[in-house]
Amino acid sequence: MAKHGGFNGMPSNMGNLMKQAQRMQRQMEEASQALEEKEYTVSSGGAVELVMNGKMNVLSVKIKPEVVDPEDVEMLEDLVAAAVNEAIRQVQADKKAAMGSLAGGLGAFGL
């Protein structure tokens, strides 16, 4: 009598695995899009406020007029750089957390 099913007569779950893979891909795309649309607002020294989206595009920079000192442009440059770097760090941390939680589902595939 011939055995039906997958490898060595084991029942084939390939259809279920494909559905799970497609669902996971859809979830990853949705999470990625949501992260790209998210806005991150950071402040540096209370003097510079920066808004960045999840695509790492700077949307706005606000600088308090009292920190604009022509004699100390370097301090203002440092504050802007710090704000940009913190926004990038937040975007990357969110992406890593979101994709890591979705990648946890790869265990269902034996990976």
Protein backbone atom coordinates (compact mmCIF):
# COMPACT_ATOMS: atom_id res chain seq x y z
CA MET A 1 0.00 0.00 0.00
CA ALA A 2 1.40 3.37 -1.03
CA LYS A 3 1.80 6.04 1.60
CA HIS A 4 0.38 9.46 0.90
CA GLY A 5 1.83 12.68 2.18
CA GLY A 6 5.16 14.36 2.43
CA PHE A 7 8.68 13.12 3.01
CA ASN A 8 8.85 9.50 4.25
CA GLY A 9 5.07 9.25 4.42
CA MET A 10 4.75 12.15 6.91
CA PRO A 11 1.71 14.34 6.29
CA SER A 12 2.56 17.43 4.29
CA ASN A 13 2.00 20.77 6.01
CA MET A 14 3.46 22.75 3.13
CA GLY A 15 0.18 24.54 2.47
CA ASN A 16 -0.03 25.69 6.09
CA LEU A 17 3.61 26.77 6.07
CA MET A 18 3.06 28.79 2.90
CA LYS A 19 0.03 30.52 4.45
CA GLN A 20 2.04 31.32 7.57
CA ALA A 21 4.91 32.67 5.49
CA GLN A 22 2.56 34.87 3.46
CA ARG A 23 0.87 36.14 6.64
CA MET A 24 4.26 36.92 8.19
CA GLN A 25 5.40 38.73 5.05
CA ARG A 26 2.21 40.83 5.09
CA GLN A 27 2.73 41.63 8.80
CA MET A 28 6.34 42.66 8.16
CA GLU A 29 5.28 44.94 5.31
CA GLU A 30 2.55 46.52 7.46
CA ALA A 31 4.95 47.01 10.38
CA SER A 32 7.57 48.51 8.08
CA GLN A 33 5.08 50.95 6.58
CA ALA A 34 3.79 51.97 10.02
CA LEU A 35 7.34 52.60 11.19
CA GLU A 36 8.12 54.69 8.10
CA GLU A 37 5.09 56.88 8.80
CA LYS A 38 5.86 57.28 12.51
CA GLU A 39 7.33 60.60 13.62
CA TYR A 40 10.04 60.92 16.25
CA THR A 41 10.47 64.16 18.15
CA VAL A 42 13.69 64.63 20.09
CA SER A 43 15.18 67.52 22.00
CA SER A 44 18.83 68.30 22.51
CA GLY A 45 19.76 70.38 25.51
CA GLY A 46 16.26 71.84 25.53
CA ALA A 47 17.48 74.18 22.83
CA VAL A 48 17.01 72.19 19.63
CA GLU A 49 13.92 70.18 18.74
CA LEU A 50 14.01 67.86 15.76
CA VAL A 51 11.27 65.81 14.11
CA MET A 52 12.25 62.82 11.97
CA ASN A 53 10.13 60.15 10.32
CA GLY A 54 10.80 56.43 10.19
CA LYS A 55 12.44 56.83 6.78
CA MET A 56 15.05 58.91 8.62
CA ASN A 57 14.03 62.09 6.84
CA VAL A 58 14.32 65.21 8.98
CA LEU A 59 10.91 66.88 8.87
CA SER A 60 11.66 69.93 10.97
CA VAL A 61 14.26 71.56 13.18
CA LYS A 62 13.39 74.22 15.73
CA ILE A 63 16.08 76.19 17.47
CA LYS A 64 15.43 78.48 20.43
CA PRO A 65 16.62 81.95 19.46
CA GLU A 66 18.48 82.44 22.74
CA VAL A 67 20.94 79.65 21.86
CA VAL A 68 21.93 81.28 18.60
CA ASP A 69 25.26 82.83 19.48
CA PRO A 70 27.37 83.96 16.53
CA GLU A 71 30.41 83.61 18.79
CA ASP A 72 29.64 79.95 19.54
CA VAL A 73 28.27 78.34 16.38
CA GLU A 74 30.00 75.10 17.34
CA MET A 75 27.69 74.58 20.33
CA LEU A 76 24.62 74.92 18.10
CA GLU A 77 26.12 72.52 15.57
CA ASP A 78 26.74 70.00 18.36
CA LEU A 79 23.15 70.31 19.60
CA VAL A 80 21.74 69.72 16.10
CA ALA A 81 24.05 66.74 15.53
CA ALA A 82 23.06 65.26 18.90
CA ALA A 83 19.36 65.63 18.07
CA VAL A 84 19.79 63.98 14.65
CA ASN A 85 21.79 61.11 16.13
CA GLU A 86 19.23 60.50 18.89
CA ALA A 87 16.35 60.48 16.39
CA ILE A 88 18.21 57.97 14.20
CA ARG A 89 18.90 55.81 17.26
CA GLN A 90 15.19 55.80 18.15
CA VAL A 91 14.13 54.90 14.59
CA GLN A 92 16.62 52.04 14.44
CA ALA A 93 15.61 50.74 17.88
CA ASP A 94 11.93 50.71 16.90
CA LYS A 95 12.66 48.92 13.62
CA LYS A 96 14.83 46.33 15.35
CA ALA A 97 12.17 45.70 18.01
CA ALA A 98 9.34 45.42 15.48
CA MET A 99 11.18 43.16 13.08
CA GLY A 100 12.61 41.09 15.93
CA SER A 101 9.16 40.34 17.30
CA LEU A 102 7.94 39.33 13.84
CA ALA A 103 11.06 37.28 13.18
CA GLY A 104 10.27 35.34 16.34
CA GLY A 105 7.57 33.69 14.25
CA LEU A 106 10.25 32.09 12.12
CA GLY A 107 10.47 29.39 14.77
CA ALA A 108 7.28 27.99 13.27
CA PHE A 109 9.32 27.21 10.18
CA GLY A 110 12.10 25.51 12.09
CA LEU A 111 14.50 28.39 11.46
